[in-house]
Amino acid sequence: WSVLVLDDGSILTASADKVICRWTDGSLVRKYEGHTDC
């Protein structure tokens, strides 16, 4: 549902699966979990 390019070049993606992911050079490097809905 949402994407964000950070200043360091990494990318955040947010999803209906309740998870936010951070990506560097196309690879998943971190998940942020806590939201209980999309």
PDB file of all heavy atoms in Angstrom:
ATOM      1  N   TRP A   1       0.805  -1.214   0.000  1.00  0.00           N
ATOM      2  CA  TRP A   1       0.000   0.000   0.000  1.00  0.00           C
ATOM      3  C   TRP A   1       0.842   1.270   0.000  1.00  0.00           C
ATOM      4  O   TRP A   1       0.349   2.339  -0.368  1.00  0.00           O
ATOM      5  CB  TRP A   1      -0.921   0.025   1.219  1.00  0.00           C
ATOM      6  CG  TRP A   1      -2.217  -0.685   1.024  1.00  0.00           C
ATOM      7  CD1 TRP A   1      -2.610  -1.859   1.594  1.00  0.00           C
ATOM      8  CD2 TRP A   1      -3.317  -0.269   0.209  1.00  0.00           C
ATOM      9  NE1 TRP A   1      -3.877  -2.194   1.181  1.00  0.00           N
ATOM     10  CE2 TRP A   1      -4.329  -1.236   0.330  1.00  0.00           C
ATOM     11  CE3 TRP A   1      -3.538   0.829  -0.623  1.00  0.00           C
ATOM     12  CZ2 TRP A   1      -5.550  -1.140  -0.341  1.00  0.00           C
ATOM     13  CZ3 TRP A   1      -4.750   0.929  -1.292  1.00  0.00           C
ATOM     14  CH2 TRP A   1      -5.742  -0.048  -1.146  1.00  0.00           C
ATOM     15  N   SER A   2       2.098   1.184   0.444  1.00  0.00           N
ATOM     16  CA  SER A   2       2.922   2.384   0.491  1.00  0.00           C
ATOM     17  C   SER A   2       4.377   2.021   0.271  1.00  0.00           C
ATOM     18  O   SER A   2       4.818   0.926   0.640  1.00  0.00           O
ATOM     19  CB  SER A   2       2.756   3.100   1.843  1.00  0.00           C
ATOM     20  OG  SER A   2       3.428   4.346   1.840  1.00  0.00           O
ATOM     21  N   VAL A   3       5.111   2.940  -0.339  1.00  0.00           N
ATOM     22  CA  VAL A   3       6.555   2.778  -0.561  1.00  0.00           C
ATOM     23  C   VAL A   3       7.230   4.092  -0.223  1.00  0.00           C
ATOM     24  O   VAL A   3       6.626   5.170  -0.310  1.00  0.00           O
ATOM     25  CB  VAL A   3       6.875   2.360  -2.013  1.00  0.00           C
ATOM     26  CG1 VAL A   3       6.325   0.973  -2.307  1.00  0.00           C
ATOM     27  CG2 VAL A   3       6.327   3.368  -3.013  1.00  0.00           C
ATOM     28  N   LEU A   4       8.511   4.017   0.156  1.00  0.00           N
ATOM     29  CA  LEU A   4       9.244   5.216   0.549  1.00  0.00           C
ATOM     30  C   LEU A   4      10.722   5.007   0.288  1.00  0.00           C
ATOM     31  O   LEU A   4      11.313   4.025   0.756  1.00  0.00           O
ATOM     32  CB  LEU A   4       9.014   5.508   2.042  1.00  0.00           C
ATOM     33  CG  LEU A   4       9.738   6.716   2.619  1.00  0.00           C
ATOM     34  CD1 LEU A   4       9.238   8.013   1.990  1.00  0.00           C
ATOM     35  CD2 LEU A   4       9.537   6.765   4.148  1.00  0.00           C
ATOM     36  N   VAL A   5      11.328   5.934  -0.463  1.00  0.00           N
ATOM     37  CA  VAL A   5      12.768   5.923  -0.682  1.00  0.00           C
ATOM     38  C   VAL A   5      13.413   6.762   0.415  1.00  0.00           C
ATOM     39  O   VAL A   5      13.093   7.950   0.563  1.00  0.00           O
ATOM     40  CB  VAL A   5      13.144   6.486  -2.059  1.00  0.00           C
ATOM     41  CG1 VAL A   5      14.653   6.380  -2.268  1.00  0.00           C
ATOM     42  CG2 VAL A   5      12.413   5.758  -3.170  1.00  0.00           C
ATOM     43  N   LEU A   6      14.307   6.167   1.208  1.00  0.00           N
ATOM     44  CA  LEU A   6      14.993   6.878   2.277  1.00  0.00           C
ATOM     45  C   LEU A   6      16.247   7.567   1.742  1.00  0.00           C
ATOM     46  O   LEU A   6      16.751   7.249   0.653  1.00  0.00           O
ATOM     47  CB  LEU A   6      15.356   5.909   3.397  1.00  0.00           C
ATOM     48  CG  LEU A   6      14.169   5.246   4.110  1.00  0.00           C
ATOM     49  CD1 LEU A   6      14.661   4.234   5.142  1.00  0.00           C
ATOM     50  CD2 LEU A   6      13.282   6.294   4.787  1.00  0.00           C
ATOM     51  N   ASP A   7      16.773   8.501   2.537  1.00  0.00           N
ATOM     52  CA  ASP A   7      17.930   9.282   2.092  1.00  0.00           C
ATOM     53  C   ASP A   7      19.167   8.426   1.863  1.00  0.00           C
ATOM     54  O   ASP A   7      20.041   8.783   1.056  1.00  0.00           O
ATOM     55  CB  ASP A   7      18.250  10.375   3.114  1.00  0.00           C
ATOM     56  CG  ASP A   7      17.247  11.518   3.073  1.00  0.00           C
ATOM     57  OD1 ASP A   7      16.455  11.589   2.110  1.00  0.00           O
ATOM     58  OD2 ASP A   7      17.248  12.338   4.006  1.00  0.00           O
ATOM     59  N   ASP A   8      19.266   7.290   2.567  1.00  0.00           N
ATOM     60  CA  ASP A   8      20.446   6.432   2.395  1.00  0.00           C
ATOM     61  C   ASP A   8      20.322   5.491   1.204  1.00  0.00           C
ATOM     62  O   ASP A   8      21.210   4.661   0.963  1.00  0.00           O
ATOM     63  CB  ASP A   8      20.739   5.641   3.667  1.00  0.00           C
ATOM     64  CG  ASP A   8      19.642   4.629   4.014  1.00  0.00           C
ATOM     65  OD1 ASP A   8      18.645   4.541   3.267  1.00  0.00           O
ATOM     66  OD2 ASP A   8      19.782   3.936   5.043  1.00  0.00           O
ATOM     67  N   GLY A   9      19.222   5.613   0.462  1.00  0.00           N
ATOM     68  CA  GLY A   9      19.012   4.775  -0.710  1.00  0.00           C
ATOM     69  C   GLY A   9      18.238   3.508  -0.447  1.00  0.00           C
ATOM     70  O   GLY A   9      17.810   2.832  -1.393  1.00  0.00           O
ATOM     71  N   SER A  10      18.038   3.170   0.822  1.00  0.00           N
ATOM     72  CA  SER A  10      17.214   2.001   1.119  1.00  0.00           C
ATOM     73  C   SER A  10      15.745   2.340   0.901  1.00  0.00           C
ATOM     74  O   SER A  10      15.370   3.515   0.782  1.00  0.00           O
ATOM     75  CB  SER A  10      17.459   1.495   2.542  1.00  0.00           C
ATOM     76  OG  SER A  10      17.074   2.458   3.504  1.00  0.00           O
ATOM     77  N   ILE A  11      14.917   1.314   0.818  1.00  0.00           N
ATOM     78  CA  ILE A  11      13.507   1.470   0.467  1.00  0.00           C
ATOM     79  C   ILE A  11      12.643   0.798   1.518  1.00  0.00           C
ATOM     80  O   ILE A  11      12.938  -0.319   1.969  1.00  0.00           O
ATOM     81  CB  ILE A  11      13.242   0.862  -0.919  1.00  0.00           C
ATOM     82  CG1 ILE A  11      13.973   1.675  -2.000  1.00  0.00           C
ATOM     83  CG2 ILE A  11      11.746   0.780  -1.226  1.00  0.00           C
ATOM     84  CD1 ILE A  11      14.113   0.951  -3.313  1.00  0.00           C
ATOM     85  N   LEU A  12      11.582   1.485   1.908  1.00  0.00           N
ATOM     86  CA  LEU A  12      10.579   0.908   2.798  1.00  0.00           C
ATOM     87  C   LEU A  12       9.327   0.570   2.002  1.00  0.00           C
ATOM     88  O   LEU A  12       8.924   1.321   1.114  1.00  0.00           O
ATOM     89  CB  LEU A  12      10.211   1.881   3.916  1.00  0.00           C
ATOM     90  CG  LEU A  12      11.305   2.262   4.909  1.00  0.00           C
ATOM     91  CD1 LEU A  12      10.782   3.340   5.862  1.00  0.00           C
ATOM     92  CD2 LEU A  12      11.778   1.050   5.697  1.00  0.00           C
ATOM     93  N   THR A  13       8.724  -0.571   2.335  1.00  0.00           N
ATOM     94  CA  THR A  13       7.439  -0.964   1.758  1.00  0.00           C
ATOM     95  C   THR A  13       6.496  -1.327   2.889  1.00  0.00           C
ATOM     96  O   THR A  13       6.904  -1.932   3.884  1.00  0.00           O
ATOM     97  CB  THR A  13       7.590  -2.165   0.802  1.00  0.00           C
ATOM     98  OG1 THR A  13       8.193  -3.263   1.511  1.00  0.00           O
ATOM     99  CG2 THR A  13       8.460  -1.810  -0.383  1.00  0.00           C
ATOM    100  N   ALA A  14       5.234  -0.957   2.752  1.00  0.00           N
ATOM    101  CA  ALA A  14       4.226  -1.246   3.768  1.00  0.00           C
ATOM    102  C   ALA A  14       3.060  -1.965   3.117  1.00  0.00           C
ATOM    103  O   ALA A  14       2.666  -1.634   1.998  1.00  0.00           O
ATOM    104  CB  ALA A  14       3.745   0.035   4.435  1.00  0.00           C
ATOM    105  N   SER A  15       2.502  -2.928   3.837  1.00  0.00           N
ATOM    106  CA  SER A  15       1.580  -3.842   3.183  1.00  0.00           C
ATOM    107  C   SER A  15       0.311  -4.114   3.991  1.00  0.00           C
ATOM    108  O   SER A  15       0.256  -3.900   5.209  1.00  0.00           O
ATOM    109  CB  SER A  15       2.313  -5.171   2.924  1.00  0.00           C
ATOM    110  OG  SER A  15       1.443  -6.183   2.462  1.00  0.00           O
ATOM    111  N   ALA A  16      -0.678  -4.639   3.270  1.00  0.00           N
ATOM    112  CA  ALA A  16      -1.888  -5.144   3.908  1.00  0.00           C
ATOM    113  C   ALA A  16      -1.610  -6.352   4.782  1.00  0.00           C
ATOM    114  O   ALA A  16      -2.475  -6.755   5.564  1.00  0.00           O
ATOM    115  CB  ALA A  16      -2.923  -5.499   2.842  1.00  0.00           C
ATOM    116  N   ASP A  17      -0.407  -6.927   4.680  1.00  0.00           N
ATOM    117  CA  ASP A  17      -0.050  -8.054   5.561  1.00  0.00           C
ATOM    118  C   ASP A  17       0.409  -7.586   6.940  1.00  0.00           C
ATOM    119  O   ASP A  17       0.894  -8.381   7.735  1.00  0.00           O
ATOM    120  CB  ASP A  17       1.003  -8.950   4.907  1.00  0.00           C
ATOM    121  CG  ASP A  17       2.340  -8.250   4.660  1.00  0.00           C
ATOM    122  OD1 ASP A  17       2.566  -7.141   5.178  1.00  0.00           O
ATOM    123  OD2 ASP A  17       3.180  -8.833   3.935  1.00  0.00           O
ATOM    124  N   LYS A  18       0.278  -6.248   7.212  1.00  0.00           N
ATOM    125  CA  LYS A  18       0.556  -5.609   8.507  1.00  0.00           C
ATOM    126  C   LYS A  18       2.042  -5.374   8.757  1.00  0.00           C
ATOM    127  O   LYS A  18       2.432  -4.935   9.838  1.00  0.00           O
ATOM    128  CB  LYS A  18      -0.026  -6.434   9.678  1.00  0.00           C
ATOM    129  CG  LYS A  18      -1.479  -6.841   9.512  1.00  0.00           C
ATOM    130  CD  LYS A  18      -1.929  -7.768  10.635  1.00  0.00           C
ATOM    131  CE  LYS A  18      -3.283  -8.360  10.352  1.00  0.00           C
ATOM    132  NZ  LYS A  18      -3.706  -9.332  11.396  1.00  0.00           N
ATOM    133  N   VAL A  19       2.888  -5.688   7.791  1.00  0.00           N
ATOM    134  CA  VAL A  19       4.339  -5.633   7.962  1.00  0.00           C
ATOM    135  C   VAL A  19       4.927  -4.507   7.117  1.00  0.00           C
ATOM    136  O   VAL A  19       4.475  -4.240   6.002  1.00  0.00           O
ATOM    137  CB  VAL A  19       4.986  -6.980   7.572  1.00  0.00           C
ATOM    138  CG1 VAL A  19       6.506  -6.910   7.676  1.00  0.00           C
ATOM    139  CG2 VAL A  19       4.441  -8.098   8.454  1.00  0.00           C
ATOM    140  N   ILE A  20       5.957  -3.849   7.664  1.00  0.00           N
ATOM    141  CA  ILE A  20       6.786  -2.898   6.930  1.00  0.00           C
ATOM    142  C   ILE A  20       8.134  -3.567   6.687  1.00  0.00           C
ATOM    143  O   ILE A  20       8.704  -4.167   7.603  1.00  0.00           O
ATOM    144  CB  ILE A  20       6.978  -1.596   7.727  1.00  0.00           C
ATOM    145  CG1 ILE A  20       5.625  -0.949   8.036  1.00  0.00           C
ATOM    146  CG2 ILE A  20       7.885  -0.620   6.966  1.00  0.00           C
ATOM    147  CD1 ILE A  20       5.687   0.117   9.122  1.00  0.00           C
ATOM    148  N   CYS A  21       8.646  -3.483   5.478  1.00  0.00           N
ATOM    149  CA  CYS A  21       9.940  -4.073   5.142  1.00  0.00           C
ATOM    150  C   CYS A  21      10.902  -2.997   4.663  1.00  0.00           C
ATOM    151  O   CYS A  21      10.498  -2.026   4.017  1.00  0.00           O
ATOM    152  CB  CYS A  21       9.794  -5.129   4.046  1.00  0.00           C
ATOM    153  SG  CYS A  21       8.892  -6.615   4.540  1.00  0.00           S
ATOM    154  N   ARG A  22      12.185  -3.209   4.986  1.00  0.00           N
ATOM    155  CA  ARG A  22      13.249  -2.338   4.474  1.00  0.00           C
ATOM    156  C   ARG A  22      14.150  -3.152   3.562  1.00  0.00           C
ATOM    157  O   ARG A  22      14.522  -4.292   3.879  1.00  0.00           O
ATOM    158  CB  ARG A  22      14.053  -1.749   5.636  1.00  0.00           C
ATOM    159  CG  ARG A  22      15.135  -0.760   5.195  1.00  0.00           C
ATOM    160  CD  ARG A  22      15.895  -0.250   6.401  1.00  0.00           C
ATOM    161  NE  ARG A  22      17.030   0.574   6.030  1.00  0.00           N
ATOM    162  CZ  ARG A  22      18.168   0.644   6.709  1.00  0.00           C
ATOM    163  NH1 ARG A  22      18.309  -0.070   7.820  1.00  0.00           N
ATOM    164  NH2 ARG A  22      19.150   1.419   6.303  1.00  0.00           N
ATOM    165  N   TRP A  23      14.481  -2.540   2.409  1.00  0.00           N
ATOM    166  CA  TRP A  23      15.233  -3.223   1.363  1.00  0.00           C
ATOM    167  C   TRP A  23      16.475  -2.413   1.013  1.00  0.00           C
ATOM    168  O   TRP A  23      16.438  -1.189   0.932  1.00  0.00           O
ATOM    169  CB  TRP A  23      14.376  -3.362   0.110  1.00  0.00           C
ATOM    170  CG  TRP A  23      13.006  -3.939   0.347  1.00  0.00           C
ATOM    171  CD1 TRP A  23      11.913  -3.270   0.841  1.00  0.00           C
ATOM    172  CD2 TRP A  23      12.577  -5.276   0.108  1.00  0.00           C
ATOM    173  NE1 TRP A  23      10.838  -4.113   0.906  1.00  0.00           N
ATOM    174  CE2 TRP A  23      11.216  -5.356   0.465  1.00  0.00           C
ATOM    175  CE3 TRP A  23      13.219  -6.413  -0.392  1.00  0.00           C
ATOM    176  CZ2 TRP A  23      10.473  -6.523   0.345  1.00  0.00           C
ATOM    177  CZ3 TRP A  23      12.480  -7.583  -0.509  1.00  0.00           C
ATOM    178  CH2 TRP A  23      11.126  -7.643  -0.141  1.00  0.00           C
ATOM    179  N   THR A  24      17.577  -3.097   0.781  1.00  0.00           N
ATOM    180  CA  THR A  24      18.808  -2.485   0.304  1.00  0.00           C
ATOM    181  C   THR A  24      19.305  -3.264  -0.907  1.00  0.00           C
ATOM    182  O   THR A  24      19.448  -4.494  -0.831  1.00  0.00           O
ATOM    183  CB  THR A  24      19.887  -2.461   1.401  1.00  0.00           C
ATOM    184  OG1 THR A  24      19.397  -1.717   2.529  1.00  0.00           O
ATOM    185  CG2 THR A  24      21.163  -1.793   0.897  1.00  0.00           C
ATOM    186  N   ASP A  25      19.529  -2.569  -2.013  1.00  0.00           N
ATOM    187  CA  ASP A  25      20.006  -3.204  -3.248  1.00  0.00           C
ATOM    188  C   ASP A  25      19.164  -4.423  -3.628  1.00  0.00           C
ATOM    189  O   ASP A  25      19.675  -5.461  -4.053  1.00  0.00           O
ATOM    190  CB  ASP A  25      21.477  -3.614  -3.117  1.00  0.00           C
ATOM    191  CG  ASP A  25      22.387  -2.421  -2.921  1.00  0.00           C
ATOM    192  OD1 ASP A  25      22.085  -1.349  -3.473  1.00  0.00           O
ATOM    193  OD2 ASP A  25      23.398  -2.550  -2.204  1.00  0.00           O
ATOM    194  N   GLY A  26      17.863  -4.300  -3.449  1.00  0.00           N
ATOM    195  CA  GLY A  26      16.938  -5.353  -3.852  1.00  0.00           C
ATOM    196  C   GLY A  26      16.750  -6.474  -2.861  1.00  0.00           C
ATOM    197  O   GLY A  26      15.959  -7.392  -3.107  1.00  0.00           O
ATOM    198  N   SER A  27      17.454  -6.422  -1.722  1.00  0.00           N
ATOM    199  CA  SER A  27      17.379  -7.499  -0.728  1.00  0.00           C
ATOM    200  C   SER A  27      16.692  -7.017   0.551  1.00  0.00           C
ATOM    201  O   SER A  27      16.914  -5.885   1.007  1.00  0.00           O
ATOM    202  CB  SER A  27      18.781  -8.007  -0.378  1.00  0.00           C
ATOM    203  OG  SER A  27      19.397  -8.573  -1.517  1.00  0.00           O
ATOM    204  N   LEU A  28      15.873  -7.886   1.129  1.00  0.00           N
ATOM    205  CA  LEU A  28      15.194  -7.582   2.379  1.00  0.00           C
ATOM    206  C   LEU A  28      16.194  -7.595   3.526  1.00  0.00           C
ATOM    207  O   LEU A  28      16.916  -8.579   3.719  1.00  0.00           O
ATOM    208  CB  LEU A  28      14.096  -8.623   2.630  1.00  0.00           C
ATOM    209  CG  LEU A  28      13.319  -8.517   3.944  1.00  0.00           C
ATOM    210  CD1 LEU A  28      12.563  -7.197   4.023  1.00  0.00           C
ATOM    211  CD2 LEU A  28      12.343  -9.696   4.079  1.00  0.00           C
ATOM    212  N   VAL A  29      16.245  -6.499   4.298  1.00  0.00           N
ATOM    213  CA  VAL A  29      17.214  -6.417   5.398  1.00  0.00           C
ATOM    214  C   VAL A  29      16.554  -6.274   6.761  1.00  0.00           C
ATOM    215  O   VAL A  29      17.201  -6.529   7.780  1.00  0.00           O
ATOM    216  CB  VAL A  29      18.211  -5.259   5.176  1.00  0.00           C
ATOM    217  CG1 VAL A  29      19.074  -5.518   3.953  1.00  0.00           C
ATOM    218  CG2 VAL A  29      17.494  -3.916   5.051  1.00  0.00           C
ATOM    219  N   ARG A  30      15.280  -5.866   6.814  1.00  0.00           N
ATOM    220  CA  ARG A  30      14.636  -5.723   8.121  1.00  0.00           C
ATOM    221  C   ARG A  30      13.124  -5.711   7.968  1.00  0.00           C
ATOM    222  O   ARG A  30      12.599  -5.241   6.952  1.00  0.00           O
ATOM    223  CB  ARG A  30      15.089  -4.439   8.819  1.00  0.00           C
ATOM    224  CG  ARG A  30      14.593  -4.307  10.273  1.00  0.00           C
ATOM    225  CD  ARG A  30      15.175  -3.084  10.954  1.00  0.00           C
ATOM    226  NE  ARG A  30      16.634  -3.138  11.026  1.00  0.00           N
ATOM    227  CZ  ARG A  30      17.315  -3.806  11.963  1.00  0.00           C
ATOM    228  NH1 ARG A  30      16.660  -4.489  12.881  1.00  0.00           N
ATOM    229  NH2 ARG A  30      18.628  -3.784  11.954  1.00  0.00           N
ATOM    230  N   LYS A  31      12.440  -6.230   8.989  1.00  0.00           N
ATOM    231  CA  LYS A  31      10.990  -6.130   9.074  1.00  0.00           C
ATOM    232  C   LYS A  31      10.611  -5.339  10.327  1.00  0.00           C
ATOM    233  O   LYS A  31      11.250  -5.450  11.365  1.00  0.00           O
ATOM    234  CB  LYS A  31      10.344  -7.518   9.123  1.00  0.00           C
ATOM    235  CG  LYS A  31      10.424  -8.303   7.827  1.00  0.00           C
ATOM    236  CD  LYS A  31       9.638  -9.603   7.930  1.00  0.00           C
ATOM    237  CE  LYS A  31       9.649 -10.360   6.610  1.00  0.00           C
ATOM    238  NZ  LYS A  31       8.835 -11.606   6.681  1.00  0.00           N
ATOM    239  N   TYR A  32       9.544  -4.554  10.193  1.00  0.00           N
ATOM    240  CA  TYR A  32       9.015  -3.773  11.310  1.00  0.00           C
ATOM    241  C   TYR A  32       7.583  -4.257  11.551  1.00  0.00           C
ATOM    242  O   TYR A  32       6.714  -4.091  10.686  1.00  0.00           O
ATOM    243  CB  TYR A  32       9.009  -2.282  10.961  1.00  0.00           C
ATOM    244  CG  TYR A  32      10.361  -1.752  10.512  1.00  0.00           C
ATOM    245  CD1 TYR A  32      10.781  -1.917   9.190  1.00  0.00           C
ATOM    246  CD2 TYR A  32      11.207  -1.078  11.388  1.00  0.00           C
ATOM    247  CE1 TYR A  32      12.002  -1.423   8.754  1.00  0.00           C
ATOM    248  CE2 TYR A  32      12.429  -0.584  10.966  1.00  0.00           C
ATOM    249  CZ  TYR A  32      12.823  -0.761   9.648  1.00  0.00           C
ATOM    250  OH  TYR A  32      14.037  -0.269   9.223  1.00  0.00           O
ATOM    251  N   GLU A  33       7.358  -4.842  12.697  1.00  0.00           N
ATOM    252  CA  GLU A  33       6.059  -5.436  12.984  1.00  0.00           C
ATOM    253  C   GLU A  33       5.469  -4.842  14.248  1.00  0.00           C
ATOM    254  O   GLU A  33       6.188  -4.523  15.194  1.00  0.00           O
ATOM    255  CB  GLU A  33       6.203  -6.954  13.114  1.00  0.00           C
ATOM    256  CG  GLU A  33       6.688  -7.606  11.817  1.00  0.00           C
ATOM    257  CD  GLU A  33       6.836  -9.114  11.933  1.00  0.00           C
ATOM    258  OE1 GLU A  33       7.928  -9.569  12.333  1.00  0.00           O
ATOM    259  OE2 GLU A  33       5.854  -9.815  11.623  1.00  0.00           O
ATOM    260  N   GLY A  34       4.145  -4.692  14.262  1.00  0.00           N
ATOM    261  CA  GLY A  34       3.458  -4.115  15.402  1.00  0.00           C
ATOM    262  C   GLY A  34       2.053  -3.671  15.063  1.00  0.00           C
ATOM    263  O   GLY A  34       1.143  -3.782  15.883  1.00  0.00           O
ATOM    264  N   HIS A  35       1.863  -3.160  13.845  1.00  0.00           N
ATOM    265  CA  HIS A  35       0.505  -2.806  13.433  1.00  0.00           C
ATOM    266  C   HIS A  35      -0.375  -4.057  13.417  1.00  0.00           C
ATOM    267  O   HIS A  35       0.094  -5.159  13.103  1.00  0.00           O
ATOM    268  CB  HIS A  35       0.508  -2.170  12.042  1.00  0.00           C
ATOM    269  CG  HIS A  35       0.898  -0.717  12.039  1.00  0.00           C
ATOM    270  ND1 HIS A  35       0.158   0.260  12.666  1.00  0.00           N
ATOM    271  CD2 HIS A  35       1.965  -0.080  11.473  1.00  0.00           C
ATOM    272  CE1 HIS A  35       0.729   1.434  12.485  1.00  0.00           C
ATOM    273  NE2 HIS A  35       1.831   1.263  11.765  1.00  0.00           N
ATOM    274  N   THR A  36      -1.636  -3.860  13.728  1.00  0.00           N
ATOM    275  CA  THR A  36      -2.560  -4.995  13.811  1.00  0.00           C
ATOM    276  C   THR A  36      -3.547  -5.046  12.644  1.00  0.00           C
ATOM    277  O   THR A  36      -4.474  -5.840  12.649  1.00  0.00           O
ATOM    278  CB  THR A  36      -3.338  -4.942  15.138  1.00  0.00           C
ATOM    279  OG1 THR A  36      -4.060  -3.708  15.230  1.00  0.00           O
ATOM    280  CG2 THR A  36      -2.382  -5.050  16.321  1.00  0.00           C
ATOM    281  N   ASP A  37      -3.327  -4.195  11.645  1.00  0.00           N
ATOM    282  CA  ASP A  37      -4.150  -4.209  10.441  1.00  0.00           C
ATOM    283  C   ASP A  37      -3.296  -3.646   9.303  1.00  0.00           C
ATOM    284  O   ASP A  37      -2.125  -3.313   9.507  1.00  0.00           O
ATOM    285  CB  ASP A  37      -5.429  -3.390  10.649  1.00  0.00           C
ATOM    286  CG  ASP A  37      -6.579  -3.835   9.747  1.00  0.00           C
ATOM    287  OD1 ASP A  37      -6.299  -4.411   8.668  1.00  0.00           O
ATOM    288  OD2 ASP A  37      -7.748  -3.596  10.101  1.00  0.00           O
ATOM    289  N   CYS A  38      -3.884  -3.521   8.127  1.00  0.00           N
ATOM    290  CA  CYS A  38      -3.158  -3.042   6.943  1.00  0.00           C
ATOM    291  C   CYS A  38      -2.366  -1.777   7.249  1.00  0.00           C
ATOM    292  O   CYS A  38      -2.890  -0.846   7.875  1.00  0.00           O
ATOM    293  CB  CYS A  38      -4.136  -2.706   5.827  1.00  0.00           C
ATOM    294  SG  CYS A  38      -5.256  -4.018   5.355  1.00  0.00           S
TER     295      CYS A  38
END
